[in-house]
Amino acid sequence: MQTATQPKVIIFTTPTCSFCNAAKRYFREKNIKFTEVDVSRDQKAAQDMVRRTGQMGVPVILINNRPIVGFDRPKINAMLNIKN
């Protein structure tokens, strides 16, 4: 049985962001592996996020380098092929 490889998921967050926490919780529920980048601690990552998206707010989620701004569950589901 062959398993499909999961797209690369990176989430830019801050510790106080409730939508970031909701997104991370959602990924864990769906068994989606992700890399978390805390932009409050990593200035280069924050600059990279702004450069890629023009956004200063979090969460910014990159799925195979395609950005989703905010916790947009329908868009996340579509890009990760998650069935509700």
PDB file of N, CA and C in Angstrom:
ATOM      1  N   MET A   1       0.845  -1.190   0.000  1.00  0.00           N
ATOM      2  CA  MET A   1       0.000   0.000   0.000  1.00  0.00           C
ATOM      3  C   MET A   1       0.887   1.250   0.000  1.00  0.00           C
ATOM      4  N   GLN A   2       0.617   2.140  -0.899  1.00  0.00           N
ATOM      5  CA  GLN A   2       1.444   3.338  -1.027  1.00  0.00           C
ATOM      6  C   GLN A   2       0.730   4.520  -0.385  1.00  0.00           C
ATOM      7  N   THR A   3       1.456   5.276   0.405  1.00  0.00           N
ATOM      8  CA  THR A   3       0.860   6.463   1.020  1.00  0.00           C
ATOM      9  C   THR A   3       1.341   7.696   0.278  1.00  0.00           C
ATOM     10  N   ALA A   4       0.436   8.598   0.045  1.00  0.00           N
ATOM     11  CA  ALA A   4       0.790   9.841  -0.626  1.00  0.00           C
ATOM     12  C   ALA A   4       1.633  10.684   0.320  1.00  0.00           C
ATOM     13  N   THR A   5       2.620  11.359  -0.225  1.00  0.00           N
ATOM     14  CA  THR A   5       3.422  12.224   0.627  1.00  0.00           C
ATOM     15  C   THR A   5       2.645  13.509   0.880  1.00  0.00           C
ATOM     16  N   GLN A   6       2.695  13.930   2.105  1.00  0.00           N
ATOM     17  CA  GLN A   6       1.971  15.134   2.505  1.00  0.00           C
ATOM     18  C   GLN A   6       2.710  16.366   1.997  1.00  0.00           C
ATOM     19  N   PRO A   7       1.963  17.363   1.539  1.00  0.00           N
ATOM     20  CA  PRO A   7       2.620  18.626   1.164  1.00  0.00           C
ATOM     21  C   PRO A   7       3.356  19.219   2.359  1.00  0.00           C
ATOM     22  N   LYS A   8       4.360  20.027   2.074  1.00  0.00           N
ATOM     23  CA  LYS A   8       5.123  20.695   3.127  1.00  0.00           C
ATOM     24  C   LYS A   8       4.276  21.829   3.705  1.00  0.00           C
ATOM     25  N   VAL A   9       4.092  21.815   5.026  1.00  0.00           N
ATOM     26  CA  VAL A   9       3.264  22.812   5.704  1.00  0.00           C
ATOM     27  C   VAL A   9       4.118  23.573   6.711  1.00  0.00           C
ATOM     28  N   ILE A  10       4.124  24.891   6.572  1.00  0.00           N
ATOM     29  CA  ILE A  10       4.816  25.773   7.515  1.00  0.00           C
ATOM     30  C   ILE A  10       3.788  26.780   8.011  1.00  0.00           C
ATOM     31  N   ILE A  11       3.756  26.999   9.324  1.00  0.00           N
ATOM     32  CA  ILE A  11       2.835  27.992   9.876  1.00  0.00           C
ATOM     33  C   ILE A  11       3.644  29.034  10.645  1.00  0.00           C
ATOM     34  N   PHE A  12       3.473  30.290  10.256  1.00  0.00           N
ATOM     35  CA  PHE A  12       4.102  31.418  10.951  1.00  0.00           C
ATOM     36  C   PHE A  12       3.143  31.858  12.047  1.00  0.00           C
ATOM     37  N   THR A  13       3.637  31.911  13.283  1.00  0.00           N
ATOM     38  CA  THR A  13       2.781  32.168  14.434  1.00  0.00           C
ATOM     39  C   THR A  13       3.424  33.150  15.407  1.00  0.00           C
ATOM     40  N   THR A  14       2.631  33.541  16.409  1.00  0.00           N
ATOM     41  CA  THR A  14       3.144  34.171  17.621  1.00  0.00           C
ATOM     42  C   THR A  14       2.483  33.445  18.795  1.00  0.00           C
ATOM     43  N   PRO A  15       3.100  33.488  19.967  1.00  0.00           N
ATOM     44  CA  PRO A  15       2.554  32.743  21.113  1.00  0.00           C
ATOM     45  C   PRO A  15       1.161  33.203  21.539  1.00  0.00           C
ATOM     46  N   THR A  16       0.815  34.472  21.304  1.00  0.00           N
ATOM     47  CA  THR A  16      -0.459  34.994  21.802  1.00  0.00           C
ATOM     48  C   THR A  16      -1.586  34.943  20.770  1.00  0.00           C
ATOM     49  N   CYS A  17      -1.336  34.356  19.603  1.00  0.00           N
ATOM     50  CA  CYS A  17      -2.307  34.369  18.503  1.00  0.00           C
ATOM     51  C   CYS A  17      -3.307  33.217  18.644  1.00  0.00           C
ATOM     52  N   SER A  18      -4.578  33.545  18.913  1.00  0.00           N
ATOM     53  CA  SER A  18      -5.584  32.490  19.103  1.00  0.00           C
ATOM     54  C   SER A  18      -5.882  31.742  17.799  1.00  0.00           C
ATOM     55  N   PHE A  19      -5.860  32.445  16.660  1.00  0.00           N
ATOM     56  CA  PHE A  19      -6.100  31.764  15.382  1.00  0.00           C
ATOM     57  C   PHE A  19      -4.946  30.825  15.033  1.00  0.00           C
ATOM     58  N   CYS A  20      -3.725  31.206  15.422  1.00  0.00           N
ATOM     59  CA  CYS A  20      -2.568  30.325  15.228  1.00  0.00           C
ATOM     60  C   CYS A  20      -2.765  29.033  16.011  1.00  0.00           C
ATOM     61  N   ASN A  21      -3.168  29.174  17.264  1.00  0.00           N
ATOM     62  CA  ASN A  21      -3.384  27.999  18.109  1.00  0.00           C
ATOM     63  C   ASN A  21      -4.493  27.123  17.551  1.00  0.00           C
ATOM     64  N   ALA A  22      -5.554  27.744  17.032  1.00  0.00           N
ATOM     65  CA  ALA A  22      -6.653  26.978  16.432  1.00  0.00           C
ATOM     66  C   ALA A  22      -6.166  26.222  15.200  1.00  0.00           C
ATOM     67  N   ALA A  23      -5.347  26.868  14.384  1.00  0.00           N
ATOM     68  CA  ALA A  23      -4.821  26.215  13.177  1.00  0.00           C
ATOM     69  C   ALA A  23      -3.924  25.032  13.552  1.00  0.00           C
ATOM     70  N   LYS A  24      -3.053  25.223  14.544  1.00  0.00           N
ATOM     71  CA  LYS A  24      -2.165  24.133  14.966  1.00  0.00           C
ATOM     72  C   LYS A  24      -2.974  22.967  15.531  1.00  0.00           C
ATOM     73  N   ARG A  25      -3.993  23.287  16.318  1.00  0.00           N
ATOM     74  CA  ARG A  25      -4.858  22.249  16.872  1.00  0.00           C
ATOM     75  C   ARG A  25      -5.547  21.474  15.737  1.00  0.00           C
ATOM     76  N   TYR A  26      -6.011  22.205  14.728  1.00  0.00           N
ATOM     77  CA  TYR A  26      -6.682  21.581  13.582  1.00  0.00           C
ATOM     78  C   TYR A  26      -5.719  20.643  12.840  1.00  0.00           C
ATOM     79  N   PHE A  27      -4.476  21.100  12.611  1.00  0.00           N
ATOM     80  CA  PHE A  27      -3.502  20.245  11.940  1.00  0.00           C
ATOM     81  C   PHE A  27      -3.239  18.979  12.741  1.00  0.00           C
ATOM     82  N   ARG A  28      -3.132  19.125  14.064  1.00  0.00           N
ATOM     83  CA  ARG A  28      -2.897  17.941  14.908  1.00  0.00           C
ATOM     84  C   ARG A  28      -4.080  16.977  14.828  1.00  0.00           C
ATOM     85  N   GLU A  29      -5.315  17.505  14.873  1.00  0.00           N
ATOM     86  CA  GLU A  29      -6.512  16.665  14.772  1.00  0.00           C
ATOM     87  C   GLU A  29      -6.528  15.878  13.479  1.00  0.00           C
ATOM     88  N   LYS A  30      -6.053  16.501  12.401  1.00  0.00           N
ATOM     89  CA  LYS A  30      -6.071  15.881  11.072  1.00  0.00           C
ATOM     90  C   LYS A  30      -4.779  15.125  10.767  1.00  0.00           C
ATOM     91  N   ASN A  31      -3.885  15.026  11.774  1.00  0.00           N
ATOM     92  CA  ASN A  31      -2.594  14.349  11.609  1.00  0.00           C
ATOM     93  C   ASN A  31      -1.767  14.933  10.470  1.00  0.00           C
ATOM     94  N   ILE A  32      -1.783  16.253  10.368  1.00  0.00           N
ATOM     95  CA  ILE A  32      -0.982  16.961   9.372  1.00  0.00           C
ATOM     96  C   ILE A  32       0.316  17.397  10.046  1.00  0.00           C
ATOM     97  N   LYS A  33       1.424  16.962   9.497  1.00  0.00           N
ATOM     98  CA  LYS A  33       2.722  17.403  10.037  1.00  0.00           C
ATOM     99  C   LYS A  33       2.955  18.840   9.587  1.00  0.00           C
ATOM    100  N   PHE A  34       3.478  19.649  10.493  1.00  0.00           N
ATOM    101  CA  PHE A  34       3.757  21.045  10.148  1.00  0.00           C
ATOM    102  C   PHE A  34       4.990  21.530  10.889  1.00  0.00           C
ATOM    103  N   THR A  35       5.587  22.566  10.341  1.00  0.00           N
ATOM    104  CA  THR A  35       6.710  23.237  10.982  1.00  0.00           C
ATOM    105  C   THR A  35       6.209  24.593  11.455  1.00  0.00           C
ATOM    106  N   GLU A  36       6.410  24.873  12.728  1.00  0.00           N
ATOM    107  CA  GLU A  36       5.973  26.149  13.296  1.00  0.00           C
ATOM    108  C   GLU A  36       7.155  27.112  13.351  1.00  0.00           C
ATOM    109  N   VAL A  37       6.917  28.352  12.916  1.00  0.00           N
ATOM    110  CA  VAL A  37       7.932  29.398  12.984  1.00  0.00           C
ATOM    111  C   VAL A  37       7.345  30.549  13.800  1.00  0.00           C
ATOM    112  N   ASP A  38       7.945  30.815  14.941  1.00  0.00           N
ATOM    113  CA  ASP A  38       7.492  31.890  15.831  1.00  0.00           C
ATOM    114  C   ASP A  38       8.141  33.195  15.369  1.00  0.00           C
ATOM    115  N   VAL A  39       7.349  34.041  14.691  1.00  0.00           N
ATOM    116  CA  VAL A  39       7.910  35.280  14.136  1.00  0.00           C
ATOM    117  C   VAL A  39       8.202  36.319  15.217  1.00  0.00           C
ATOM    118  N   SER A  40       7.698  36.126  16.428  1.00  0.00           N
ATOM    119  CA  SER A  40       8.029  37.057  17.511  1.00  0.00           C
ATOM    120  C   SER A  40       9.463  36.836  17.995  1.00  0.00           C
ATOM    121  N   ARG A  41      10.024  35.655  17.738  1.00  0.00           N
ATOM    122  CA  ARG A  41      11.392  35.332  18.165  1.00  0.00           C
ATOM    123  C   ARG A  41      12.377  35.349  17.001  1.00  0.00           C
ATOM    124  N   ASP A  42      11.879  35.264  15.775  1.00  0.00           N
ATOM    125  CA  ASP A  42      12.754  35.106  14.610  1.00  0.00           C
ATOM    126  C   ASP A  42      12.490  36.238  13.621  1.00  0.00           C
ATOM    127  N   GLN A  43      13.304  37.291  13.728  1.00  0.00           N
ATOM    128  CA  GLN A  43      13.101  38.484  12.900  1.00  0.00           C
ATOM    129  C   GLN A  43      13.272  38.188  11.413  1.00  0.00           C
ATOM    130  N   LYS A  44      14.220  37.326  11.069  1.00  0.00           N
ATOM    131  CA  LYS A  44      14.417  36.973   9.654  1.00  0.00           C
ATOM    132  C   LYS A  44      13.181  36.266   9.102  1.00  0.00           C
ATOM    133  N   ALA A  45      12.604  35.381   9.889  1.00  0.00           N
ATOM    134  CA  ALA A  45      11.393  34.672   9.449  1.00  0.00           C
ATOM    135  C   ALA A  45      10.240  35.652   9.274  1.00  0.00           C
ATOM    136  N   ALA A  46      10.127  36.618  10.172  1.00  0.00           N
ATOM    137  CA  ALA A  46       9.073  37.628  10.055  1.00  0.00           C
ATOM    138  C   ALA A  46       9.244  38.415   8.759  1.00  0.00           C
ATOM    139  N   GLN A  47      10.479  38.810   8.454  1.00  0.00           N
ATOM    140  CA  GLN A  47      10.743  39.541   7.211  1.00  0.00           C
ATOM    141  C   GLN A  47      10.437  38.668   5.991  1.00  0.00           C
ATOM    142  N   ASP A  48      10.780  37.391   6.077  1.00  0.00           N
ATOM    143  CA  ASP A  48      10.517  36.451   4.983  1.00  0.00           C
ATOM    144  C   ASP A  48       9.012  36.315   4.749  1.00  0.00           C
ATOM    145  N   MET A  49       8.243  36.212   5.842  1.00  0.00           N
ATOM    146  CA  MET A  49       6.787  36.095   5.748  1.00  0.00           C
ATOM    147  C   MET A  49       6.203  37.329   5.065  1.00  0.00           C
ATOM    148  N   VAL A  50       6.647  38.515   5.461  1.00  0.00           N
ATOM    149  CA  VAL A  50       6.147  39.757   4.862  1.00  0.00           C
ATOM    150  C   VAL A  50       6.545  39.828   3.384  1.00  0.00           C
ATOM    151  N   ARG A  51       7.772  39.423   3.088  1.00  0.00           N
ATOM    152  CA  ARG A  51       8.254  39.451   1.698  1.00  0.00           C
ATOM    153  C   ARG A  51       7.405  38.532   0.817  1.00  0.00           C
ATOM    154  N   ARG A  52       7.076  37.352   1.342  1.00  0.00           N
ATOM    155  CA  ARG A  52       6.307  36.382   0.553  1.00  0.00           C
ATOM    156  C   ARG A  52       4.850  36.790   0.367  1.00  0.00           C
ATOM    157  N   THR A  53       4.267  37.410   1.398  1.00  0.00           N
ATOM    158  CA  THR A  53       2.808  37.591   1.393  1.00  0.00           C
ATOM    159  C   THR A  53       2.353  39.038   1.474  1.00  0.00           C
ATOM    160  N   GLY A  54       3.245  39.941   1.880  1.00  0.00           N
ATOM    161  CA  GLY A  54       2.826  41.310   2.113  1.00  0.00           C
ATOM    162  C   GLY A  54       2.049  41.470   3.408  1.00  0.00           C
ATOM    163  N   GLN A  55       1.961  40.401   4.194  1.00  0.00           N
ATOM    164  CA  GLN A  55       1.175  40.401   5.431  1.00  0.00           C
ATOM    165  C   GLN A  55       2.088  40.504   6.642  1.00  0.00           C
ATOM    166  N   MET A  56       1.628  41.278   7.635  1.00  0.00           N
ATOM    167  CA  MET A  56       2.355  41.333   8.904  1.00  0.00           C
ATOM    168  C   MET A  56       1.638  40.528   9.975  1.00  0.00           C
ATOM    169  N   GLY A  57       0.367  40.206   9.736  1.00  0.00           N
ATOM    170  CA  GLY A  57      -0.415  39.460  10.722  1.00  0.00           C
ATOM    171  C   GLY A  57      -0.207  37.964  10.580  1.00  0.00           C
ATOM    172  N   VAL A  58      -0.475  37.264  11.657  1.00  0.00           N
ATOM    173  CA  VAL A  58      -0.383  35.805  11.670  1.00  0.00           C
ATOM    174  C   VAL A  58      -1.761  35.233  12.005  1.00  0.00           C
ATOM    175  N   PRO A  59      -2.042  33.995  11.710  1.00  0.00           N
ATOM    176  CA  PRO A  59      -1.126  33.046  11.094  1.00  0.00           C
ATOM    177  C   PRO A  59      -1.021  33.244   9.580  1.00  0.00           C
ATOM    178  N   VAL A  60       0.146  32.924   9.080  1.00  0.00           N
ATOM    179  CA  VAL A  60       0.337  32.733   7.648  1.00  0.00           C
ATOM    180  C   VAL A  60       0.765  31.280   7.501  1.00  0.00           C
ATOM    181  N   ILE A  61       0.054  30.552   6.674  1.00  0.00           N
ATOM    182  CA  ILE A  61       0.316  29.132   6.474  1.00  0.00           C
ATOM    183  C   ILE A  61       0.831  28.956   5.049  1.00  0.00           C
ATOM    184  N   LEU A  62       1.955  28.286   4.923  1.00  0.00           N
ATOM    185  CA  LEU A  62       2.480  27.957   3.595  1.00  0.00           C
ATOM    186  C   LEU A  62       2.273  26.470   3.360  1.00  0.00           C
ATOM    187  N   ILE A  63       1.600  26.146   2.282  1.00  0.00           N
ATOM    188  CA  ILE A  63       1.422  24.753   1.888  1.00  0.00           C
ATOM    189  C   ILE A  63       2.100  24.614   0.530  1.00  0.00           C
ATOM    190  N   ASN A  64       3.203  23.863   0.517  1.00  0.00           N
ATOM    191  CA  ASN A  64       4.053  23.782  -0.686  1.00  0.00           C
ATOM    192  C   ASN A  64       4.378  25.176  -1.218  1.00  0.00           C
ATOM    193  N   ASN A  65       4.733  26.068  -0.288  1.00  0.00           N
ATOM    194  CA  ASN A  65       5.129  27.455  -0.591  1.00  0.00           C
ATOM    195  C   ASN A  65       3.995  28.321  -1.132  1.00  0.00           C
ATOM    196  N   ARG A  66       2.750  27.851  -1.087  1.00  0.00           N
ATOM    197  CA  ARG A  66       1.610  28.680  -1.485  1.00  0.00           C
ATOM    198  C   ARG A  66       0.962  29.214  -0.216  1.00  0.00           C
ATOM    199  N   PRO A  67       0.890  30.555  -0.059  1.00  0.00           N
ATOM    200  CA  PRO A  67       0.443  31.127   1.221  1.00  0.00           C
ATOM    201  C   PRO A  67      -1.073  31.146   1.385  1.00  0.00           C
ATOM    202  N   ILE A  68      -1.480  30.904   2.618  1.00  0.00           N
ATOM    203  CA  ILE A  68      -2.855  31.121   3.069  1.00  0.00           C
ATOM    204  C   ILE A  68      -2.728  32.090   4.236  1.00  0.00           C
ATOM    205  N   VAL A  69      -3.420  33.208   4.149  1.00  0.00           N
ATOM    206  CA  VAL A  69      -3.368  34.204   5.220  1.00  0.00           C
ATOM    207  C   VAL A  69      -4.564  33.957   6.134  1.00  0.00           C
ATOM    208  N   GLY A  70      -4.271  33.753   7.426  1.00  0.00           N
ATOM    209  CA  GLY A  70      -5.327  33.474   8.391  1.00  0.00           C
ATOM    210  C   GLY A  70      -5.653  31.986   8.432  1.00  0.00           C
ATOM    211  N   PHE A  71      -6.525  31.642   9.357  1.00  0.00           N
ATOM    212  CA  PHE A  71      -6.948  30.247   9.518  1.00  0.00           C
ATOM    213  C   PHE A  71      -8.169  30.041   8.629  1.00  0.00           C
ATOM    214  N   ASP A  72      -7.912  29.821   7.335  1.00  0.00           N
ATOM    215  CA  ASP A  72      -8.955  29.667   6.322  1.00  0.00           C
ATOM    216  C   ASP A  72      -9.174  28.169   6.099  1.00  0.00           C
ATOM    217  N   ARG A  73     -10.046  27.572   6.929  1.00  0.00           N
ATOM    218  CA  ARG A  73     -10.221  26.125   6.913  1.00  0.00           C
ATOM    219  C   ARG A  73     -10.622  25.578   5.533  1.00  0.00           C
ATOM    220  N   PRO A  74     -11.578  26.210   4.816  1.00  0.00           N
ATOM    221  CA  PRO A  74     -11.926  25.668   3.483  1.00  0.00           C
ATOM    222  C   PRO A  74     -10.732  25.649   2.523  1.00  0.00           C
ATOM    223  N   LYS A  75      -9.922  26.688   2.556  1.00  0.00           N
ATOM    224  CA  LYS A  75      -8.753  26.746   1.664  1.00  0.00           C
ATOM    225  C   LYS A  75      -7.711  25.706   2.088  1.00  0.00           C
ATOM    226  N   ILE A  76      -7.501  25.563   3.407  1.00  0.00           N
ATOM    227  CA  ILE A  76      -6.568  24.549   3.922  1.00  0.00           C
ATOM    228  C   ILE A  76      -7.032  23.164   3.496  1.00  0.00           C
ATOM    229  N   ASN A  77      -8.313  22.890   3.684  1.00  0.00           N
ATOM    230  CA  ASN A  77      -8.859  21.581   3.322  1.00  0.00           C
ATOM    231  C   ASN A  77      -8.667  21.308   1.836  1.00  0.00           C
ATOM    232  N   ALA A  78      -8.901  22.315   0.998  1.00  0.00           N
ATOM    233  CA  ALA A  78      -8.766  22.140  -0.451  1.00  0.00           C
ATOM    234  C   ALA A  78      -7.309  21.857  -0.815  1.00  0.00           C
ATOM    235  N   MET A  79      -6.385  22.614  -0.226  1.00  0.00           N
ATOM    236  CA  MET A  79      -4.978  22.457  -0.597  1.00  0.00           C
ATOM    237  C   MET A  79      -4.364  21.171  -0.052  1.00  0.00           C
ATOM    238  N   LEU A  80      -4.910  20.674   1.074  1.00  0.00           N
ATOM    239  CA  LEU A  80      -4.395  19.429   1.654  1.00  0.00           C
ATOM    240  C   LEU A  80      -5.274  18.228   1.333  1.00  0.00           C
ATOM    241  N   ASN A  81      -6.318  18.474   0.547  1.00  0.00           N
ATOM    242  CA  ASN A  81      -7.241  17.406   0.153  1.00  0.00           C
ATOM    243  C   ASN A  81      -7.848  16.717   1.375  1.00  0.00           C
ATOM    244  N   ILE A  82      -8.296  17.525   2.337  1.00  0.00           N
ATOM    245  CA  ILE A  82      -8.923  17.014   3.555  1.00  0.00           C
ATOM    246  C   ILE A  82     -10.438  16.969   3.330  1.00  0.00           C
ATOM    247  N   LYS A  83     -10.993  15.805   3.581  1.00  0.00           N
ATOM    248  CA  LYS A  83     -12.449  15.669   3.498  1.00  0.00           C
ATOM    249  C   LYS A  83     -13.015  15.841   4.897  1.00  0.00           C
ATOM    250  N   ASN A  84     -14.073  16.624   5.025  1.00  0.00           N
ATOM    251  CA  ASN A  84     -14.633  16.866   6.366  1.00  0.00           C
ATOM    252  C   ASN A  84     -15.335  15.683   6.926  1.00  0.00           C
TER     253      ASN A  84
END
